[in-house]
Amino acid sequence: MRPRAWLRGLAGALILAGVVWWYPLEVFTDAFAVVDTGAVALALGVGAVTTVLSAARWRVVVLAVGLRLPLGRAVADYYRAVFLNAVLPAGVVGDVHRALCHGRYAGDLSRSVRAVVLERLAGQVVLALAAAALLFALPAALWGPGLRAVGVSAGVVAVLAAGAAVGLAVGRRRRPRWWRALRAAVADARTGLWSRRTRVLALSAGALAGYVVLFLAAARLAGVDAPWPQLVPLLVLALLAMSLPVNVGGWGPREAVAGLAFGAAGLGAEQGVAVSVVYGLLALVAALPGALVLVVRASQRREVPGEGVDQGGEQPSALVGRGQ
């Protein structure tokens, strides 16, 4: 892992440590007691829906940029990425692994990496748009943090777009290698996202709805009985904080922002942290099938010792031979 990823993970760990230090220990320990068998079944069911929707979004982008990706492999790889993101620092290691493995499978590493970046960017845009739409439903005390959260997401997209435009204009005359790479990225964004925007937005919205449903379930398990229209804006804000690549498996900023949001809404900061912790446990349960994918892929690598393998497990020839 690169040093920057470790630094982001360390920053997330410091934020999480600060939250644990600030709030009573019972806020965290009591969360484990409310996750029963029914909650586990719900998490696995919702996780299956959100993972399939997200994998389908990834596949739409991949096919649009001219690469191949069977739906079954897309779902398995996405499950594995979600699991790795949930247990490793920074929250993006699984996506990096997913991009590298698909690049080896499809035979075009750079385009596979761009497809994963575009797919994640689409999810972030929909999340930021949802947060912006719900901003006026937030308590007045949260307008500052809410605006900053939406502004950061919108600012990242704006900076990327402006940088791409400037880079294309500056490098058009000499056409260096970086200019050609940037032009390829813009072309993939046009064909992979813009030309498929309706399907990508619909799949992203469906996945986001699943995350909100799981968060609402966490709120009920934690004993919060506030009506869901009051809760949804707070939960979306927590999800926006969770998407920042400064966390430990999703933990850290999510708990801090949830405590702030619930406190400002008059629901109690401790309740917000408790809801976030329960959600974190449910999200980890929802990601567990990804561990099974890791085990299966490892066993497949051992069964085919004579063939070239990648970190995803197999080369395309091995996958075709198994009908995947």
Protein backbone atom coordinates (compact mmCIF):
# COMPACT_ATOMS: atom_id res chain seq x y z
CA MET A 1 0.00 0.00 0.00
CA ARG A 2 1.27 3.48 -0.83
CA PRO A 3 2.32 5.84 1.98
CA ARG A 4 -0.55 8.20 1.21
CA ALA A 5 -3.04 5.39 1.81
CA TRP A 6 -1.43 4.66 5.16
CA LEU A 7 -1.59 8.35 6.06
CA ARG A 8 -5.28 8.47 5.19
CA GLY A 9 -5.87 5.37 7.27
CA LEU A 10 -3.92 6.90 10.14
CA ALA A 11 -6.02 10.07 9.92
CA GLY A 12 -9.17 7.97 10.05
CA ALA A 13 -7.83 6.04 13.03
CA LEU A 14 -7.13 9.30 14.87
CA ILE A 15 -10.65 10.54 14.19
CA LEU A 16 -12.11 7.25 15.39
CA ALA A 17 -9.90 7.29 18.49
CA GLY A 18 -11.12 10.80 19.25
CA VAL A 19 -14.75 9.69 18.97
CA VAL A 20 -14.14 6.67 21.22
CA TRP A 21 -12.39 8.89 23.77
CA TRP A 22 -15.13 11.53 23.75
CA TYR A 23 -18.18 9.28 24.12
CA PRO A 24 -18.95 6.71 26.86
CA LEU A 25 -17.75 3.19 26.14
CA GLU A 26 -21.32 1.88 26.48
CA VAL A 27 -22.26 3.70 23.28
CA PHE A 28 -20.05 1.26 21.41
CA THR A 29 -20.43 -1.93 23.43
CA ASP A 30 -24.24 -1.76 23.54
CA ALA A 31 -24.33 -1.76 19.74
CA PHE A 32 -23.14 -5.37 19.63
CA ALA A 33 -26.04 -6.49 21.80
CA VAL A 34 -28.74 -5.23 19.42
CA VAL A 35 -27.40 -6.98 16.30
CA ASP A 36 -29.43 -10.17 16.46
CA THR A 37 -30.18 -12.91 13.93
CA GLY A 38 -32.90 -10.88 12.26
CA ALA A 39 -30.56 -7.92 11.88
CA VAL A 40 -27.89 -10.16 10.34
CA ALA A 41 -30.42 -11.57 7.84
CA LEU A 42 -31.57 -8.06 6.95
CA ALA A 43 -27.99 -6.86 6.47
CA LEU A 44 -27.16 -9.78 4.18
CA GLY A 45 -30.33 -9.21 2.13
CA VAL A 46 -29.88 -5.45 1.75
CA GLY A 47 -26.17 -5.95 1.11
CA ALA A 48 -26.94 -8.39 -1.71
CA VAL A 49 -29.25 -5.86 -3.37
CA THR A 50 -26.84 -2.92 -3.08
CA THR A 51 -23.88 -5.01 -4.23
CA VAL A 52 -25.70 -6.34 -7.29
CA LEU A 53 -26.86 -2.83 -8.21
CA SER A 54 -23.36 -1.41 -7.78
CA ALA A 55 -21.81 -4.28 -9.74
CA ALA A 56 -24.36 -3.73 -12.52
CA ARG A 57 -23.39 -0.03 -12.59
CA TRP A 58 -19.73 -1.01 -12.89
CA ARG A 59 -20.56 -3.42 -15.70
CA VAL A 60 -22.51 -0.73 -17.58
CA VAL A 61 -19.44 1.52 -17.49
CA VAL A 62 -17.04 -1.29 -18.39
CA LEU A 63 -19.07 -2.43 -21.39
CA ALA A 64 -19.52 1.16 -22.55
CA VAL A 65 -15.75 1.72 -22.69
CA GLY A 66 -15.27 -1.43 -24.75
CA LEU A 67 -14.19 -4.03 -22.19
CA ARG A 68 -15.86 -7.28 -21.19
CA LEU A 69 -17.16 -8.25 -17.77
CA PRO A 70 -19.70 -11.01 -17.11
CA LEU A 71 -22.31 -10.05 -14.51
CA GLY A 72 -21.45 -12.98 -12.25
CA ARG A 73 -17.80 -11.99 -12.14
CA ALA A 74 -18.76 -8.34 -11.61
CA VAL A 75 -20.87 -9.24 -8.55
CA ALA A 76 -18.19 -11.51 -7.09
CA ASP A 77 -15.43 -8.95 -7.63
CA TYR A 78 -17.58 -6.18 -6.18
CA TYR A 79 -18.35 -8.26 -3.10
CA ARG A 80 -14.65 -8.86 -2.61
CA ALA A 81 -13.89 -5.16 -2.99
CA VAL A 82 -16.59 -4.22 -0.47
CA PHE A 83 -15.16 -6.68 2.02
CA LEU A 84 -11.60 -5.42 1.58
CA ASN A 85 -12.80 -1.83 1.93
CA ALA A 86 -14.55 -2.80 5.16
CA VAL A 87 -11.52 -4.40 6.82
CA LEU A 88 -8.60 -2.35 5.48
CA PRO A 89 -7.66 1.32 6.03
CA ALA A 90 -8.62 4.20 3.71
CA GLY A 91 -11.73 2.47 2.32
CA VAL A 92 -10.45 2.29 -1.26
CA VAL A 93 -8.05 -0.67 -1.22
CA GLY A 94 -10.77 -3.03 -2.42
CA ASP A 95 -11.55 -0.81 -5.40
CA VAL A 96 -7.87 -0.59 -6.34
CA HIS A 97 -7.68 -4.39 -6.16
CA ARG A 98 -10.87 -4.68 -8.24
CA ALA A 99 -9.46 -2.41 -10.93
CA LEU A 100 -6.14 -4.26 -11.13
CA CYS A 101 -7.77 -7.68 -11.28
CA HIS A 102 -10.22 -6.67 -13.96
CA GLY A 103 -7.40 -5.05 -15.91
CA ARG A 104 -5.55 -8.35 -16.02
CA TYR A 105 -8.74 -10.21 -16.91
CA ALA A 106 -9.77 -7.81 -19.68
CA GLY A 107 -6.23 -7.18 -20.97
CA ASP A 108 -6.38 -3.38 -20.58
CA LEU A 109 -5.21 -2.23 -17.17
CA SER A 110 -5.39 1.52 -17.74
CA ARG A 111 -8.93 1.43 -19.10
CA SER A 112 -10.05 -0.89 -16.30
CA VAL A 113 -8.69 1.52 -13.71
CA ARG A 114 -10.49 4.42 -15.38
CA ALA A 115 -13.73 2.42 -15.43
CA VAL A 116 -13.56 1.81 -11.67
CA VAL A 117 -12.79 5.47 -11.03
CA LEU A 118 -15.73 6.54 -13.19
CA GLU A 119 -18.04 4.04 -11.50
CA ARG A 120 -17.13 5.27 -8.04
CA LEU A 121 -17.40 8.88 -9.21
CA ALA A 122 -20.95 8.23 -10.40
CA GLY A 123 -21.90 6.94 -6.96
CA GLN A 124 -20.33 9.96 -5.29
CA VAL A 125 -22.15 12.39 -7.59
CA VAL A 126 -25.52 10.81 -6.81
CA LEU A 127 -24.75 10.85 -3.07
CA ALA A 128 -23.74 14.52 -3.23
CA LEU A 129 -26.86 15.39 -5.22
CA ALA A 130 -29.03 13.58 -2.67
CA ALA A 131 -27.31 15.42 0.17
CA ALA A 132 -27.80 18.74 -1.62
CA ALA A 133 -31.47 17.99 -2.23
CA LEU A 134 -31.99 17.11 1.44
CA LEU A 135 -29.94 20.03 2.72
CA PHE A 136 -32.98 22.19 3.41
CA ALA A 137 -34.42 19.43 5.59
CA LEU A 138 -31.43 19.59 7.91
CA PRO A 139 -31.62 21.47 11.21
CA ALA A 140 -30.34 25.02 11.06
CA ALA A 141 -27.37 24.03 13.23
CA LEU A 142 -26.25 21.61 10.53
CA TRP A 143 -26.35 23.99 7.60
CA GLY A 144 -22.68 24.78 8.02
CA PRO A 145 -21.42 21.17 8.10
CA GLY A 146 -24.03 20.16 5.51
CA LEU A 147 -22.98 22.86 3.09
CA ARG A 148 -19.32 22.03 3.62
CA ALA A 149 -19.90 18.33 2.99
CA VAL A 150 -21.81 18.97 -0.21
CA GLY A 151 -19.36 21.69 -1.21
CA VAL A 152 -16.37 19.39 -0.80
CA SER A 153 -17.94 16.72 -3.03
CA ALA A 154 -19.03 19.27 -5.63
CA GLY A 155 -15.64 20.97 -5.41
CA VAL A 156 -13.78 17.73 -6.12
CA VAL A 157 -15.87 17.13 -9.23
CA ALA A 158 -15.44 20.75 -10.36
CA VAL A 159 -11.66 20.66 -9.84
CA LEU A 160 -11.37 17.41 -11.79
CA ALA A 161 -13.44 18.81 -14.64
CA ALA A 162 -11.52 22.09 -14.72
CA GLY A 163 -8.18 20.31 -14.54
CA ALA A 164 -9.16 18.04 -17.41
CA ALA A 165 -10.27 21.00 -19.53
CA VAL A 166 -7.06 22.95 -18.86
CA GLY A 167 -4.89 19.89 -19.43
CA LEU A 168 -6.54 19.13 -22.76
CA ALA A 169 -6.09 22.73 -23.92
CA VAL A 170 -2.45 22.99 -22.80
CA GLY A 171 -1.28 19.69 -24.21
CA ARG A 172 -3.16 19.75 -27.51
CA ARG A 173 -0.23 21.13 -29.49
CA ARG A 174 2.56 18.79 -28.36
CA ARG A 175 0.41 15.85 -27.30
CA PRO A 176 2.69 14.35 -24.63
CA ARG A 177 1.96 11.02 -22.97
CA TRP A 178 0.02 12.54 -20.08
CA TRP A 179 -2.15 14.45 -22.56
CA ARG A 180 -2.99 11.26 -24.41
CA ALA A 181 -3.87 9.57 -21.11
CA LEU A 182 -6.06 12.50 -20.09
CA ARG A 183 -7.79 12.52 -23.46
CA ALA A 184 -8.48 8.79 -23.11
CA ALA A 185 -9.93 9.37 -19.63
CA VAL A 186 -12.23 12.12 -20.90
CA ALA A 187 -13.34 9.93 -23.80
CA ASP A 188 -14.09 7.07 -21.42
CA ALA A 189 -16.06 9.44 -19.18
CA ARG A 190 -18.10 10.54 -22.17
CA THR A 191 -18.84 7.01 -23.37
CA GLY A 192 -18.92 5.26 -20.00
CA LEU A 193 -20.94 7.76 -17.98
CA TRP A 194 -22.57 10.45 -20.05
CA SER A 195 -23.85 8.18 -22.83
CA ARG A 196 -25.23 5.75 -20.20
CA ARG A 197 -26.24 8.38 -17.66
CA THR A 198 -29.84 7.22 -17.23
CA ARG A 199 -28.90 3.65 -16.34
CA VAL A 200 -25.94 4.71 -14.23
CA LEU A 201 -28.01 7.23 -12.26
CA ALA A 202 -30.85 4.75 -11.75
CA LEU A 203 -28.51 2.03 -10.47
CA SER A 204 -26.70 4.54 -8.24
CA ALA A 205 -29.96 5.81 -6.78
CA GLY A 206 -31.09 2.24 -6.09
CA ALA A 207 -27.84 1.41 -4.30
CA LEU A 208 -28.06 4.61 -2.24
CA ALA A 209 -31.61 3.75 -1.24
CA GLY A 210 -30.33 0.40 0.04
CA TYR A 211 -27.68 2.10 2.18
CA VAL A 212 -30.30 4.45 3.64
CA VAL A 213 -32.62 1.52 4.41
CA LEU A 214 -29.81 -0.23 6.28
CA PHE A 215 -29.07 2.98 8.18
CA LEU A 216 -32.75 3.34 9.11
CA ALA A 217 -32.72 -0.25 10.36
CA ALA A 218 -29.64 0.58 12.45
CA ALA A 219 -31.47 3.58 13.93
CA ARG A 220 -34.43 1.44 14.97
CA LEU A 221 -32.14 -1.21 16.47
CA ALA A 222 -30.34 1.51 18.42
CA GLY A 223 -33.66 2.64 19.90
CA VAL A 224 -34.19 5.83 17.88
CA ASP A 225 -37.91 6.25 17.23
CA ALA A 226 -37.81 9.55 15.34
CA PRO A 227 -39.81 9.54 12.08
CA TRP A 228 -37.86 8.52 9.00
CA PRO A 229 -38.28 11.89 7.20
CA GLN A 230 -36.34 13.45 10.08
CA LEU A 231 -33.68 10.75 10.04
CA VAL A 232 -32.96 10.42 6.32
CA PRO A 233 -31.16 13.78 5.88
CA LEU A 234 -28.95 13.02 8.89
CA LEU A 235 -28.15 9.54 7.60
CA VAL A 236 -27.28 10.78 4.11
CA LEU A 237 -24.91 13.30 5.67
CA ALA A 238 -23.25 10.48 7.62
CA LEU A 239 -22.93 8.45 4.41
CA LEU A 240 -21.32 11.43 2.71
CA ALA A 241 -18.77 11.64 5.53
CA MET A 242 -18.19 7.88 5.28
CA SER A 243 -17.31 8.23 1.60
CA LEU A 244 -14.26 10.34 2.40
CA PRO A 245 -11.07 8.27 1.91
CA VAL A 246 -9.93 9.16 5.44
CA ASN A 247 -11.26 6.29 7.51
CA VAL A 248 -10.59 2.82 8.82
CA GLY A 249 -12.87 0.46 6.95
CA GLY A 250 -15.50 3.21 6.84
CA TRP A 251 -15.14 4.03 10.55
CA GLY A 252 -14.15 7.43 11.89
CA PRO A 253 -15.68 10.41 10.06
CA ARG A 254 -19.04 8.63 9.88
CA GLU A 255 -19.31 8.37 13.67
CA ALA A 256 -18.09 11.93 14.20
CA VAL A 257 -20.58 13.41 11.74
CA ALA A 258 -23.43 11.21 12.95
CA GLY A 259 -22.87 12.41 16.51
CA LEU A 260 -22.82 16.02 15.35
CA ALA A 261 -25.91 15.60 13.16
CA PHE A 262 -28.05 13.85 15.76
CA GLY A 263 -26.97 16.30 18.43
CA ALA A 264 -27.89 19.31 16.28
CA ALA A 265 -31.24 17.69 15.45
CA GLY A 266 -32.05 17.31 19.14
CA LEU A 267 -31.86 13.53 19.06
CA GLY A 268 -28.71 13.24 21.16
CA ALA A 269 -25.13 12.99 19.98
CA GLU A 270 -24.64 9.66 21.75
CA GLN A 271 -27.64 8.27 19.88
CA GLY A 272 -26.09 9.35 16.61
CA VAL A 273 -22.82 7.60 17.38
CA ALA A 274 -24.72 4.49 18.50
CA VAL A 275 -26.68 4.42 15.24
CA SER A 276 -23.47 4.80 13.26
CA VAL A 277 -21.79 1.97 15.16
CA VAL A 278 -24.76 -0.35 14.60
CA TYR A 279 -24.72 0.59 10.93
CA GLY A 280 -21.00 -0.16 10.78
CA LEU A 281 -21.61 -3.63 12.19
CA LEU A 282 -24.47 -4.29 9.77
CA ALA A 283 -22.34 -3.06 6.86
CA LEU A 284 -19.57 -5.43 7.90
CA VAL A 285 -22.05 -8.32 8.00
CA ALA A 286 -23.34 -7.31 4.55
CA ALA A 287 -19.77 -7.46 3.21
CA LEU A 288 -18.97 -10.93 4.58
CA PRO A 289 -19.83 -12.79 1.34
CA GLY A 290 -16.77 -11.03 -0.06
CA ALA A 291 -14.63 -13.08 2.31
CA LEU A 292 -16.12 -16.20 0.76
CA VAL A 293 -15.15 -14.91 -2.68
CA LEU A 294 -11.57 -14.50 -1.45
CA VAL A 295 -11.51 -18.09 -0.18
CA VAL A 296 -13.01 -19.51 -3.38
CA ARG A 297 -10.59 -17.58 -5.59
CA ALA A 298 -7.66 -18.75 -3.47
CA SER A 299 -8.76 -22.37 -3.82
CA GLN A 300 -9.12 -21.93 -7.58
CA ARG A 301 -5.56 -20.63 -7.79
CA ARG A 302 -4.28 -23.74 -6.01
CA GLU A 303 -6.27 -26.00 -8.33
CA VAL A 304 -4.67 -24.49 -11.46
CA PRO A 305 -0.96 -24.22 -10.53
CA GLY A 306 0.24 -24.39 -14.11
CA GLU A 307 -1.71 -21.39 -15.39
CA GLY A 308 -0.87 -17.71 -14.98
CA VAL A 309 -2.85 -16.10 -12.22
CA ASP A 310 -3.45 -12.58 -11.06
CA GLN A 311 -4.47 -11.14 -7.74
CA GLY A 312 -8.09 -11.63 -8.69
CA GLY A 313 -7.32 -15.30 -9.01
CA GLU A 314 -7.39 -16.23 -12.69
CA GLN A 315 -6.68 -15.36 -16.26
CA PRO A 316 -9.54 -15.06 -18.76
CA SER A 317 -8.80 -18.48 -20.21
CA ALA A 318 -9.28 -20.13 -16.84
CA LEU A 319 -12.53 -18.24 -16.27
CA VAL A 320 -13.92 -19.16 -19.69
CA GLY A 321 -13.07 -22.78 -19.03
CA ARG A 322 -15.22 -22.63 -15.89
CA GLY A 323 -18.09 -20.93 -17.69
CA GLN A 324 -17.82 -17.64 -15.77
